[in-house]
Amino acid sequence: MKRVFGAKKNKDPPPTIQDATDRISKRGESVDEKIQKLDNELARYREQIKKARPGPAQEALKARAMRVLKQKRMYEGQRDMLYNQTFNLDQVAFAAEGLKDAQQTMTALKSANKELKGMMKTVKIQDIDSMQDEMMDLMDVSAEIQESLGRSYNVPDDIDEEDLMGELDALEADMGAETESDAVPSYLQPDKEPDLDSELNFPAAPMGQSAVPASRQSVQAEDELGLPAVPRASIRG
């Protein structure tokens, strides 16, 4: 059967957008080269027309230049058409790339969603709340332990807070006095002896006369206790 009808030929795959773009780009380059050649030819005819005298020769040059100009316009139309086709292919390629990116993004999102669902099964909000409550209880117990270990054994229980406040005020007063007396505490300052004369207010003794009569300035006898001896005449009486 294969010999009679021949083997079925494999069809070539359809051209891709990149293949069509490359082919159109090559055609555009070829048209550009032809337009460049026509421009050079027109420039040469232009110089010849300037140098030629008015007459049949100049008219013949103008006719050739007109023919070349028409060809140039035709190639320029083809080039514009090829540029439009290339632009359309670029737009289609851009849209196709955008769809591919969207497809890959959706695939990645589906995979990430599946992984998140699997992770959510292992992590429960109830377990997190329970763990937080246990942590708070442990912190409270730790604070109580630290407070119990930090108690002082030498502080009596019957201390009056008013006495402590009075002691604190006295300490602050001493600190203020230290700054006023060259930083010397009150308990280190020398004691001032009271002036007994000023406290008793005794009158001053006269300078010119003796304070005691002459008859009394004689030394009197003293008894065994150191007191003035009583005269015997008074004892007899």
C-alpha atoms as a PDB file:
ATOM      1  CA  MET A   1       0.000   0.000   0.000  1.00  0.00           C
ATOM      2  CA  LYS A   2       2.827   2.380   0.795  1.00  0.00           C
ATOM      3  CA  ARG A   3       4.331   1.729  -2.616  1.00  0.00           C
ATOM      4  CA  VAL A   4       1.000   2.484  -4.341  1.00  0.00           C
ATOM      5  CA  PHE A   5      -0.139   5.544  -2.381  1.00  0.00           C
ATOM      6  CA  GLY A   6       3.174   6.536  -0.882  1.00  0.00           C
ATOM      7  CA  ALA A   7       4.017   7.213   2.721  1.00  0.00           C
ATOM      8  CA  LYS A   8       2.316  10.036   4.554  1.00  0.00           C
ATOM      9  CA  LYS A   9       4.633  12.985   4.926  1.00  0.00           C
ATOM     10  CA  ASN A  10       5.011  14.607   8.303  1.00  0.00           C
ATOM     11  CA  LYS A  11       3.744  18.147   8.326  1.00  0.00           C
ATOM     12  CA  ASP A  12       6.150  20.801   9.374  1.00  0.00           C
ATOM     13  CA  PRO A  13       5.189  22.639  12.571  1.00  0.00           C
ATOM     14  CA  PRO A  14       3.566  26.001  12.031  1.00  0.00           C
ATOM     15  CA  PRO A  15       5.911  28.967  12.192  1.00  0.00           C
ATOM     16  CA  THR A  16       6.137  30.747  15.455  1.00  0.00           C
ATOM     17  CA  ILE A  17       5.776  34.453  16.021  1.00  0.00           C
ATOM     18  CA  GLN A  18       9.538  34.765  16.268  1.00  0.00           C
ATOM     19  CA  ASP A  19      10.004  32.982  12.939  1.00  0.00           C
ATOM     20  CA  ALA A  20       7.516  35.311  11.234  1.00  0.00           C
ATOM     21  CA  THR A  21       9.150  38.338  12.815  1.00  0.00           C
ATOM     22  CA  ASP A  22      12.611  37.304  11.651  1.00  0.00           C
ATOM     23  CA  ARG A  23      11.358  36.658   8.121  1.00  0.00           C
ATOM     24  CA  ILE A  24       9.599  40.018   7.901  1.00  0.00           C
ATOM     25  CA  SER A  25      12.643  41.773   9.329  1.00  0.00           C
ATOM     26  CA  LYS A  26      14.852  40.281   6.615  1.00  0.00           C
ATOM     27  CA  ARG A  27      12.395  41.431   3.947  1.00  0.00           C
ATOM     28  CA  GLY A  28      12.382  44.894   5.464  1.00  0.00           C
ATOM     29  CA  GLU A  29      16.184  45.029   5.394  1.00  0.00           C
ATOM     30  CA  SER A  30      16.138  44.044   1.730  1.00  0.00           C
ATOM     31  CA  VAL A  31      13.614  46.769   0.894  1.00  0.00           C
ATOM     32  CA  ASP A  32      15.691  49.319   2.806  1.00  0.00           C
ATOM     33  CA  GLU A  33      18.740  48.432   0.738  1.00  0.00           C
ATOM     34  CA  LYS A  34      16.766  48.916  -2.491  1.00  0.00           C
ATOM     35  CA  ILE A  35      15.459  52.277  -1.286  1.00  0.00           C
ATOM     36  CA  GLN A  36      19.015  53.340  -0.447  1.00  0.00           C
ATOM     37  CA  LYS A  37      20.183  52.437  -3.973  1.00  0.00           C
ATOM     38  CA  LEU A  38      17.309  54.417  -5.495  1.00  0.00           C
ATOM     39  CA  ASP A  39      18.192  57.409  -3.322  1.00  0.00           C
ATOM     40  CA  ASN A  40      21.768  57.317  -4.605  1.00  0.00           C
ATOM     41  CA  GLU A  41      20.501  57.089  -8.178  1.00  0.00           C
ATOM     42  CA  LEU A  42      18.146  60.027  -7.646  1.00  0.00           C
ATOM     43  CA  ALA A  43      20.972  62.096  -6.236  1.00  0.00           C
ATOM     44  CA  ARG A  44      23.059  61.359  -9.334  1.00  0.00           C
ATOM     45  CA  TYR A  45      20.195  62.318 -11.661  1.00  0.00           C
ATOM     46  CA  ARG A  46      19.656  65.497  -9.703  1.00  0.00           C
ATOM     47  CA  GLU A  47      23.254  66.577 -10.244  1.00  0.00           C
ATOM     48  CA  GLN A  48      23.041  65.748 -13.932  1.00  0.00           C
ATOM     49  CA  ILE A  49      19.797  67.726 -14.336  1.00  0.00           C
ATOM     50  CA  LYS A  50      21.457  70.763 -12.718  1.00  0.00           C
ATOM     51  CA  LYS A  51      24.410  70.586 -15.096  1.00  0.00           C
ATOM     52  CA  ALA A  52      22.352  69.833 -18.244  1.00  0.00           C
ATOM     53  CA  ARG A  53      21.022  72.647 -20.390  1.00  0.00           C
ATOM     54  CA  PRO A  54      17.291  72.956 -20.953  1.00  0.00           C
ATOM     55  CA  GLY A  55      16.312  70.731 -23.833  1.00  0.00           C
ATOM     56  CA  PRO A  56      15.698  67.120 -24.748  1.00  0.00           C
ATOM     57  CA  ALA A  57      18.657  65.799 -22.730  1.00  0.00           C
ATOM     58  CA  GLN A  58      17.437  67.459 -19.571  1.00  0.00           C
ATOM     59  CA  GLU A  59      13.900  66.182 -20.165  1.00  0.00           C
ATOM     60  CA  ALA A  60      15.207  62.630 -20.613  1.00  0.00           C
ATOM     61  CA  LEU A  61      17.069  62.889 -17.295  1.00  0.00           C
ATOM     62  CA  LYS A  62      13.931  64.141 -15.613  1.00  0.00           C
ATOM     63  CA  ALA A  63      11.924  61.200 -16.990  1.00  0.00           C
ATOM     64  CA  ARG A  64      14.472  58.707 -15.611  1.00  0.00           C
ATOM     65  CA  ALA A  65      14.485  60.459 -12.280  1.00  0.00           C
ATOM     66  CA  MET A  66      10.671  60.324 -12.182  1.00  0.00           C
ATOM     67  CA  ARG A  67      10.729  56.556 -12.863  1.00  0.00           C
ATOM     68  CA  VAL A  68      13.250  55.999 -10.064  1.00  0.00           C
ATOM     69  CA  LEU A  69      11.181  58.151  -7.742  1.00  0.00           C
ATOM     70  CA  LYS A  70       8.079  56.049  -8.442  1.00  0.00           C
ATOM     71  CA  GLN A  71      10.008  52.877  -7.633  1.00  0.00           C
ATOM     72  CA  LYS A  72      11.223  54.450  -4.445  1.00  0.00           C
ATOM     73  CA  ARG A  73       7.667  55.339  -3.400  1.00  0.00           C
ATOM     74  CA  MET A  74       6.536  51.775  -4.126  1.00  0.00           C
ATOM     75  CA  TYR A  75       9.331  50.290  -2.000  1.00  0.00           C
ATOM     76  CA  GLU A  76       8.593  52.775   0.768  1.00  0.00           C
ATOM     77  CA  GLY A  77       4.959  51.577   0.765  1.00  0.00           C
ATOM     78  CA  GLN A  78       6.126  47.982   1.061  1.00  0.00           C
ATOM     79  CA  ARG A  79       8.501  48.913   3.851  1.00  0.00           C
ATOM     80  CA  ASP A  80       5.705  50.639   5.768  1.00  0.00           C
ATOM     81  CA  MET A  81       3.503  47.572   5.331  1.00  0.00           C
ATOM     82  CA  LEU A  82       6.297  45.323   6.637  1.00  0.00           C
ATOM     83  CA  TYR A  83       6.834  47.639   9.603  1.00  0.00           C
ATOM     84  CA  ASN A  84       3.124  47.427  10.429  1.00  0.00           C
ATOM     85  CA  GLN A  85       3.230  43.639  10.237  1.00  0.00           C
ATOM     86  CA  THR A  86       6.271  43.573  12.506  1.00  0.00           C
ATOM     87  CA  PHE A  87       4.512  45.856  14.967  1.00  0.00           C
ATOM     88  CA  ASN A  88       1.460  43.598  15.012  1.00  0.00           C
ATOM     89  CA  LEU A  89       3.618  40.538  15.564  1.00  0.00           C
ATOM     90  CA  ASP A  90       5.394  42.300  18.429  1.00  0.00           C
ATOM     91  CA  GLN A  91       2.045  43.102  20.032  1.00  0.00           C
ATOM     92  CA  VAL A  92       0.919  39.492  19.696  1.00  0.00           C
ATOM     93  CA  ALA A  93       4.225  38.256  21.125  1.00  0.00           C
ATOM     94  CA  PHE A  94       3.910  40.670  24.027  1.00  0.00           C
ATOM     95  CA  ALA A  95       0.372  39.445  24.752  1.00  0.00           C
ATOM     96  CA  ALA A  96       1.509  35.813  24.503  1.00  0.00           C
ATOM     97  CA  GLU A  97       4.381  36.449  26.920  1.00  0.00           C
ATOM     98  CA  GLY A  98       1.957  38.142  29.295  1.00  0.00           C
ATOM     99  CA  LEU A  99      -0.326  35.116  29.198  1.00  0.00           C
ATOM    100  CA  LYS A 100       2.613  32.805  29.859  1.00  0.00           C
ATOM    101  CA  ASP A 101       3.655  34.919  32.833  1.00  0.00           C
ATOM    102  CA  ALA A 102       0.080  34.868  34.134  1.00  0.00           C
ATOM    103  CA  GLN A 103      -0.048  31.093  33.727  1.00  0.00           C
ATOM    104  CA  GLN A 104       3.202  30.646  35.623  1.00  0.00           C
ATOM    105  CA  THR A 105       1.972  33.007  38.321  1.00  0.00           C
ATOM    106  CA  MET A 106      -1.245  31.049  38.727  1.00  0.00           C
ATOM    107  CA  THR A 107       0.702  27.782  38.915  1.00  0.00           C
ATOM    108  CA  ALA A 108       3.000  29.227  41.584  1.00  0.00           C
ATOM    109  CA  LEU A 109       0.017  30.566  43.554  1.00  0.00           C
ATOM    110  CA  LYS A 110      -1.742  27.221  43.447  1.00  0.00           C
ATOM    111  CA  SER A 111       1.397  25.482  44.701  1.00  0.00           C
ATOM    112  CA  ALA A 112       1.845  28.046  47.475  1.00  0.00           C
ATOM    113  CA  ASN A 113      -1.828  27.732  48.434  1.00  0.00           C
ATOM    114  CA  LYS A 114      -1.458  23.972  48.698  1.00  0.00           C
ATOM    115  CA  GLU A 115       1.622  24.316  50.897  1.00  0.00           C
ATOM    116  CA  LEU A 116      -0.122  26.848  53.139  1.00  0.00           C
ATOM    117  CA  LYS A 117      -3.086  24.555  53.611  1.00  0.00           C
ATOM    118  CA  GLY A 118      -0.737  21.736  54.605  1.00  0.00           C
ATOM    119  CA  MET A 119       1.062  24.002  57.092  1.00  0.00           C
ATOM    120  CA  MET A 120      -2.207  25.255  58.562  1.00  0.00           C
ATOM    121  CA  LYS A 121      -3.141  21.703  59.446  1.00  0.00           C
ATOM    122  CA  THR A 122      -0.097  21.442  61.711  1.00  0.00           C
ATOM    123  CA  VAL A 123      -0.517  24.884  63.321  1.00  0.00           C
ATOM    124  CA  LYS A 124      -3.703  25.604  65.270  1.00  0.00           C
ATOM    125  CA  ILE A 125      -4.690  28.871  66.873  1.00  0.00           C
ATOM    126  CA  GLN A 126      -5.991  27.047  69.946  1.00  0.00           C
ATOM    127  CA  ASP A 127      -2.562  25.541  70.563  1.00  0.00           C
ATOM    128  CA  ILE A 128      -0.941  28.975  70.230  1.00  0.00           C
ATOM    129  CA  ASP A 129      -3.398  30.536  72.721  1.00  0.00           C
ATOM    130  CA  SER A 130      -2.848  27.689  75.166  1.00  0.00           C
ATOM    131  CA  MET A 131       0.922  28.043  74.873  1.00  0.00           C
ATOM    132  CA  GLN A 132       0.655  31.805  75.481  1.00  0.00           C
ATOM    133  CA  ASP A 133      -1.421  31.208  78.631  1.00  0.00           C
ATOM    134  CA  GLU A 134       1.124  28.700  79.922  1.00  0.00           C
ATOM    135  CA  MET A 135       3.934  31.153  79.264  1.00  0.00           C
ATOM    136  CA  MET A 136       2.111  33.874  81.215  1.00  0.00           C
ATOM    137  CA  ASP A 137       1.587  31.495  84.156  1.00  0.00           C
ATOM    138  CA  LEU A 138       5.259  30.518  84.105  1.00  0.00           C
ATOM    139  CA  MET A 139       6.290  34.191  84.080  1.00  0.00           C
ATOM    140  CA  ASP A 140       4.044  34.886  87.089  1.00  0.00           C
ATOM    141  CA  VAL A 141       5.505  31.929  88.991  1.00  0.00           C
ATOM    142  CA  SER A 142       9.024  33.072  88.120  1.00  0.00           C
ATOM    143  CA  ALA A 143       8.256  36.574  89.426  1.00  0.00           C
ATOM    144  CA  GLU A 144       6.922  35.119  92.692  1.00  0.00           C
ATOM    145  CA  ILE A 145      10.046  32.984  93.072  1.00  0.00           C
ATOM    146  CA  GLN A 146      12.318  35.983  92.503  1.00  0.00           C
ATOM    147  CA  GLU A 147      10.342  38.045  95.007  1.00  0.00           C
ATOM    148  CA  SER A 148      10.505  35.256  97.601  1.00  0.00           C
ATOM    149  CA  LEU A 149      14.262  34.841  97.131  1.00  0.00           C
ATOM    150  CA  GLY A 150      14.797  38.602  97.410  1.00  0.00           C
ATOM    151  CA  ARG A 151      13.244  38.973 100.867  1.00  0.00           C
ATOM    152  CA  SER A 152      15.443  40.272 103.717  1.00  0.00           C
ATOM    153  CA  TYR A 153      15.643  38.203 106.897  1.00  0.00           C
ATOM    154  CA  ASN A 154      16.920  41.029 109.159  1.00  0.00           C
ATOM    155  CA  VAL A 155      14.035  43.446 108.739  1.00  0.00           C
ATOM    156  CA  PRO A 156      11.616  43.217 111.695  1.00  0.00           C
ATOM    157  CA  ASP A 157       7.906  43.091 111.054  1.00  0.00           C
ATOM    158  CA  ASP A 158       6.927  45.785 113.628  1.00  0.00           C
ATOM    159  CA  ILE A 159       8.618  48.724 111.888  1.00  0.00           C
ATOM    160  CA  ASP A 160       6.434  51.792 111.781  1.00  0.00           C
ATOM    161  CA  GLU A 161       6.334  53.510 108.417  1.00  0.00           C
ATOM    162  CA  GLU A 162       5.989  56.926 110.127  1.00  0.00           C
ATOM    163  CA  ASP A 163       9.257  56.338 111.972  1.00  0.00           C
ATOM    164  CA  LEU A 164      10.925  55.420 108.700  1.00  0.00           C
ATOM    165  CA  MET A 165       9.585  58.592 107.094  1.00  0.00           C
ATOM    166  CA  GLY A 166      10.879  60.677 110.006  1.00  0.00           C
ATOM    167  CA  GLU A 167      14.264  59.034 109.692  1.00  0.00           C
ATOM    168  CA  LEU A 168      14.272  59.747 105.978  1.00  0.00           C
ATOM    169  CA  ASP A 169      13.429  63.420 106.585  1.00  0.00           C
ATOM    170  CA  ALA A 170      16.247  63.687 109.115  1.00  0.00           C
ATOM    171  CA  LEU A 171      18.641  62.117 106.635  1.00  0.00           C
ATOM    172  CA  GLU A 172      17.606  64.635 103.993  1.00  0.00           C
ATOM    173  CA  ALA A 173      18.102  67.476 106.504  1.00  0.00           C
ATOM    174  CA  ASP A 174      21.607  66.187 107.283  1.00  0.00           C
ATOM    175  CA  MET A 175      22.385  66.005 103.622  1.00  0.00           C
ATOM    176  CA  GLY A 176      21.255  69.618 103.214  1.00  0.00           C
ATOM    177  CA  ALA A 177      23.382  70.667 106.161  1.00  0.00           C
ATOM    178  CA  GLU A 178      26.391  68.938 104.657  1.00  0.00           C
ATOM    179  CA  THR A 179      26.200  71.107 101.597  1.00  0.00           C
ATOM    180  CA  GLU A 180      25.927  74.270 103.753  1.00  0.00           C
ATOM    181  CA  SER A 181      28.819  73.391 106.118  1.00  0.00           C
ATOM    182  CA  ASP A 182      31.471  72.363 103.584  1.00  0.00           C
ATOM    183  CA  ALA A 183      30.091  68.853 103.258  1.00  0.00           C
ATOM    184  CA  VAL A 184      30.795  67.971 106.952  1.00  0.00           C
ATOM    185  CA  PRO A 185      27.965  65.902 108.526  1.00  0.00           C
ATOM    186  CA  SER A 186      26.324  67.176 111.665  1.00  0.00           C
ATOM    187  CA  TYR A 187      27.454  64.149 113.646  1.00  0.00           C
ATOM    188  CA  LEU A 188      31.112  64.932 112.715  1.00  0.00           C
ATOM    189  CA  GLN A 189      30.969  68.646 113.596  1.00  0.00           C
ATOM    190  CA  PRO A 190      32.481  69.645 117.019  1.00  0.00           C
ATOM    191  CA  ASP A 191      30.027  70.180 119.814  1.00  0.00           C
ATOM    192  CA  LYS A 192      29.572  73.775 120.936  1.00  0.00           C
ATOM    193  CA  GLU A 193      29.829  74.238 124.723  1.00  0.00           C
ATOM    194  CA  PRO A 194      27.027  76.355 126.091  1.00  0.00           C
ATOM    195  CA  ASP A 195      27.935  79.737 127.498  1.00  0.00           C
ATOM    196  CA  LEU A 196      26.949  79.355 131.170  1.00  0.00           C
ATOM    197  CA  ASP A 197      27.545  83.012 131.995  1.00  0.00           C
ATOM    198  CA  SER A 198      25.193  84.133 129.259  1.00  0.00           C
ATOM    199  CA  GLU A 199      22.587  81.587 130.343  1.00  0.00           C
ATOM    200  CA  LEU A 200      22.771  82.569 134.100  1.00  0.00           C
ATOM    201  CA  ASN A 201      23.022  86.286 133.309  1.00  0.00           C
ATOM    202  CA  PHE A 202      25.333  87.061 136.286  1.00  0.00           C
ATOM    203  CA  PRO A 203      26.268  90.741 136.674  1.00  0.00           C
ATOM    204  CA  ALA A 204      29.842  91.609 135.977  1.00  0.00           C
ATOM    205  CA  ALA A 205      32.147  92.214 138.943  1.00  0.00           C
ATOM    206  CA  PRO A 206      33.268  95.858 139.494  1.00  0.00           C
ATOM    207  CA  MET A 207      36.762  96.535 138.345  1.00  0.00           C
ATOM    208  CA  GLY A 208      37.810  99.167 140.891  1.00  0.00           C
ATOM    209  CA  GLN A 209      36.521  97.675 144.129  1.00  0.00           C
ATOM    210  CA  SER A 210      36.760  94.261 145.675  1.00  0.00           C
ATOM    211  CA  ALA A 211      33.587  92.278 145.480  1.00  0.00           C
ATOM    212  CA  VAL A 212      34.095  90.847 149.027  1.00  0.00           C
ATOM    213  CA  PRO A 213      34.732  92.985 152.151  1.00  0.00           C
ATOM    214  CA  ALA A 214      38.171  92.931 153.572  1.00  0.00           C
ATOM    215  CA  SER A 215      36.966  91.387 156.830  1.00  0.00           C
ATOM    216  CA  ARG A 216      35.548  88.494 154.823  1.00  0.00           C
ATOM    217  CA  GLN A 217      38.578  87.981 152.657  1.00  0.00           C
ATOM    218  CA  SER A 218      40.362  86.189 155.517  1.00  0.00           C
ATOM    219  CA  VAL A 219      40.589  82.524 155.163  1.00  0.00           C
ATOM    220  CA  GLN A 220      37.976  80.741 157.220  1.00  0.00           C
ATOM    221  CA  ALA A 221      38.542  77.419 158.845  1.00  0.00           C
ATOM    222  CA  GLU A 222      36.902  74.439 157.293  1.00  0.00           C
ATOM    223  CA  ASP A 223      35.674  71.292 158.926  1.00  0.00           C
ATOM    224  CA  GLU A 224      36.366  67.735 157.859  1.00  0.00           C
ATOM    225  CA  LEU A 225      33.683  67.970 155.147  1.00  0.00           C
ATOM    226  CA  GLY A 226      35.221  71.072 153.584  1.00  0.00           C
ATOM    227  CA  LEU A 227      32.464  73.374 154.849  1.00  0.00           C
ATOM    228  CA  PRO A 228      33.095  76.581 156.750  1.00  0.00           C
ATOM    229  CA  ALA A 229      33.653  75.791 160.417  1.00  0.00           C
ATOM    230  CA  VAL A 230      31.001  77.085 162.800  1.00  0.00           C
ATOM    231  CA  PRO A 231      32.403  79.426 165.479  1.00  0.00           C
ATOM    232  CA  ARG A 232      32.405  77.944 168.982  1.00  0.00           C
ATOM    233  CA  ALA A 233      30.692  80.942 170.494  1.00  0.00           C
ATOM    234  CA  SER A 234      27.601  80.221 168.379  1.00  0.00           C
ATOM    235  CA  ILE A 235      27.746  76.627 169.519  1.00  0.00           C
ATOM    236  CA  ARG A 236      27.819  77.582 173.168  1.00  0.00           C
ATOM    237  CA  GLY A 237      24.912  79.905 172.878  1.00  0.00           C
END
